Amino acid sequence: MSKGAKKQRERIGAGEDVIDFDSFEPDYEHACDTCGETPTVTAVKDGEVIYSPGLCGPCCWGMAECLDPATW
């Protein structure tokens, strides 16, 4: 995982709209809004989902290998 991706694991957003979270977790109950694949990406803090873009890994990060949640 690149240094940039590691930093992104801890913060989402830009400017003043930065969200701190503990980890990315897969959501197998919802399909991607763009392509229909599962799982979709969620950001979790203290055991609660705090951010859900409605996208699978590849649609969220633009890399095919991100379909596997282990790469998040």
C-alpha atoms as a PDB file:
ATOM      1  CA  MET A   1       0.000   0.000   0.000  1.00  0.00           C
ATOM      2  CA  SER A   2       1.368   3.423  -0.919  1.00  0.00           C
ATOM      3  CA  LYS A   3       2.110   6.120   1.667  1.00  0.00           C
ATOM      4  CA  GLY A   4      -0.731   8.208   0.228  1.00  0.00           C
ATOM      5  CA  ALA A   5      -3.198   5.344   0.617  1.00  0.00           C
ATOM      6  CA  LYS A   6      -2.089   4.788   4.215  1.00  0.00           C
ATOM      7  CA  LYS A   7      -2.703   8.453   4.999  1.00  0.00           C
ATOM      8  CA  GLN A   8      -6.125   8.218   3.335  1.00  0.00           C
ATOM      9  CA  ARG A   9      -7.030   5.300   5.622  1.00  0.00           C
ATOM     10  CA  GLU A  10      -6.931   7.758   8.506  1.00  0.00           C
ATOM     11  CA  ARG A  11      -8.581  10.792   6.900  1.00  0.00           C
ATOM     12  CA  ILE A  12     -11.260  11.313   4.279  1.00  0.00           C
ATOM     13  CA  GLY A  13     -12.063  14.628   2.701  1.00  0.00           C
ATOM     14  CA  ALA A  14     -10.356  17.824   1.751  1.00  0.00           C
ATOM     15  CA  GLY A  15     -10.007  21.225   3.330  1.00  0.00           C
ATOM     16  CA  GLU A  16     -12.182  21.693   6.371  1.00  0.00           C
ATOM     17  CA  ASP A  17     -14.398  18.668   5.630  1.00  0.00           C
ATOM     18  CA  VAL A  18     -11.984  16.025   6.965  1.00  0.00           C
ATOM     19  CA  ILE A  19     -13.392  12.942   8.668  1.00  0.00           C
ATOM     20  CA  ASP A  20     -11.223  10.914  11.053  1.00  0.00           C
ATOM     21  CA  PHE A  21     -12.019   7.185  11.142  1.00  0.00           C
ATOM     22  CA  ASP A  22     -10.583   3.868  12.317  1.00  0.00           C
ATOM     23  CA  SER A  23     -10.843   1.672   9.207  1.00  0.00           C
ATOM     24  CA  PHE A  24     -12.525   0.943   5.891  1.00  0.00           C
ATOM     25  CA  GLU A  25     -14.956  -1.972   6.119  1.00  0.00           C
ATOM     26  CA  PRO A  26     -16.850  -3.825   3.352  1.00  0.00           C
ATOM     27  CA  ASP A  27     -20.646  -3.571   3.146  1.00  0.00           C
ATOM     28  CA  TYR A  28     -21.967  -6.686   1.396  1.00  0.00           C
ATOM     29  CA  GLU A  29     -25.630  -5.654   1.736  1.00  0.00           C
ATOM     30  CA  HIS A  30     -25.488  -2.722  -0.714  1.00  0.00           C
ATOM     31  CA  ALA A  31     -24.406  -2.686  -4.351  1.00  0.00           C
ATOM     32  CA  CYS A  32     -22.252   0.051  -5.868  1.00  0.00           C
ATOM     33  CA  ASP A  33     -24.293   3.011  -7.156  1.00  0.00           C
ATOM     34  CA  THR A  34     -22.097   3.175 -10.261  1.00  0.00           C
ATOM     35  CA  CYS A  35     -21.436  -0.405 -11.385  1.00  0.00           C
ATOM     36  CA  GLY A  36     -23.577  -2.683  -9.195  1.00  0.00           C
ATOM     37  CA  GLU A  37     -20.643  -4.621  -7.662  1.00  0.00           C
ATOM     38  CA  THR A  38     -20.378  -5.582  -4.006  1.00  0.00           C
ATOM     39  CA  PRO A  39     -19.019  -4.966  -1.454  1.00  0.00           C
ATOM     40  CA  THR A  40     -19.211  -1.208  -1.094  1.00  0.00           C
ATOM     41  CA  VAL A  41     -16.807   0.865   0.988  1.00  0.00           C
ATOM     42  CA  THR A  42     -17.701   2.232   4.420  1.00  0.00           C
ATOM     43  CA  ALA A  43     -15.571   4.157   6.907  1.00  0.00           C
ATOM     44  CA  VAL A  44     -15.954   3.035  10.514  1.00  0.00           C
ATOM     45  CA  LYS A  45     -15.105   4.835  13.763  1.00  0.00           C
ATOM     46  CA  ASP A  46     -15.689   3.327  17.197  1.00  0.00           C
ATOM     47  CA  GLY A  47     -17.664   0.466  15.619  1.00  0.00           C
ATOM     48  CA  GLU A  48     -20.135   2.732  13.770  1.00  0.00           C
ATOM     49  CA  VAL A  49     -20.323   3.539  10.065  1.00  0.00           C
ATOM     50  CA  ILE A  50     -19.626   7.258   9.736  1.00  0.00           C
ATOM     51  CA  TYR A  51     -19.199   7.507   5.962  1.00  0.00           C
ATOM     52  CA  SER A  52     -20.638   5.470   3.110  1.00  0.00           C
ATOM     53  CA  PRO A  53     -20.010   6.782  -0.404  1.00  0.00           C
ATOM     54  CA  GLY A  54     -22.166   4.067  -2.037  1.00  0.00           C
ATOM     55  CA  LEU A  55     -19.239   2.914  -4.178  1.00  0.00           C
ATOM     56  CA  CYS A  56     -17.267  -0.318  -4.488  1.00  0.00           C
ATOM     57  CA  GLY A  57     -13.490  -0.202  -4.043  1.00  0.00           C
ATOM     58  CA  PRO A  58     -12.612   0.218  -7.759  1.00  0.00           C
ATOM     59  CA  CYS A  59     -15.185   2.999  -8.256  1.00  0.00           C
ATOM     60  CA  CYS A  60     -14.091   4.707  -5.039  1.00  0.00           C
ATOM     61  CA  TRP A  61     -10.315   4.633  -5.675  1.00  0.00           C
ATOM     62  CA  GLY A  62     -10.119   4.023  -9.434  1.00  0.00           C
ATOM     63  CA  MET A  63      -8.047   0.823  -9.204  1.00  0.00           C
ATOM     64  CA  ALA A  64      -9.331  -2.656 -10.161  1.00  0.00           C
ATOM     65  CA  GLU A  65      -7.359  -4.362  -7.377  1.00  0.00           C
ATOM     66  CA  CYS A  66      -9.483  -2.470  -4.830  1.00  0.00           C
ATOM     67  CA  LEU A  67     -12.369  -4.882  -5.491  1.00  0.00           C
ATOM     68  CA  ASP A  68     -10.742  -6.998  -2.744  1.00  0.00           C
ATOM     69  CA  PRO A  69     -11.461  -5.371   0.667  1.00  0.00           C
ATOM     70  CA  ALA A  70      -8.088  -6.639   1.926  1.00  0.00           C
ATOM     71  CA  THR A  71      -6.446  -3.928  -0.208  1.00  0.00           C
ATOM     72  CA  TRP A  72      -8.379  -1.121   1.461  1.00  0.00           C
END
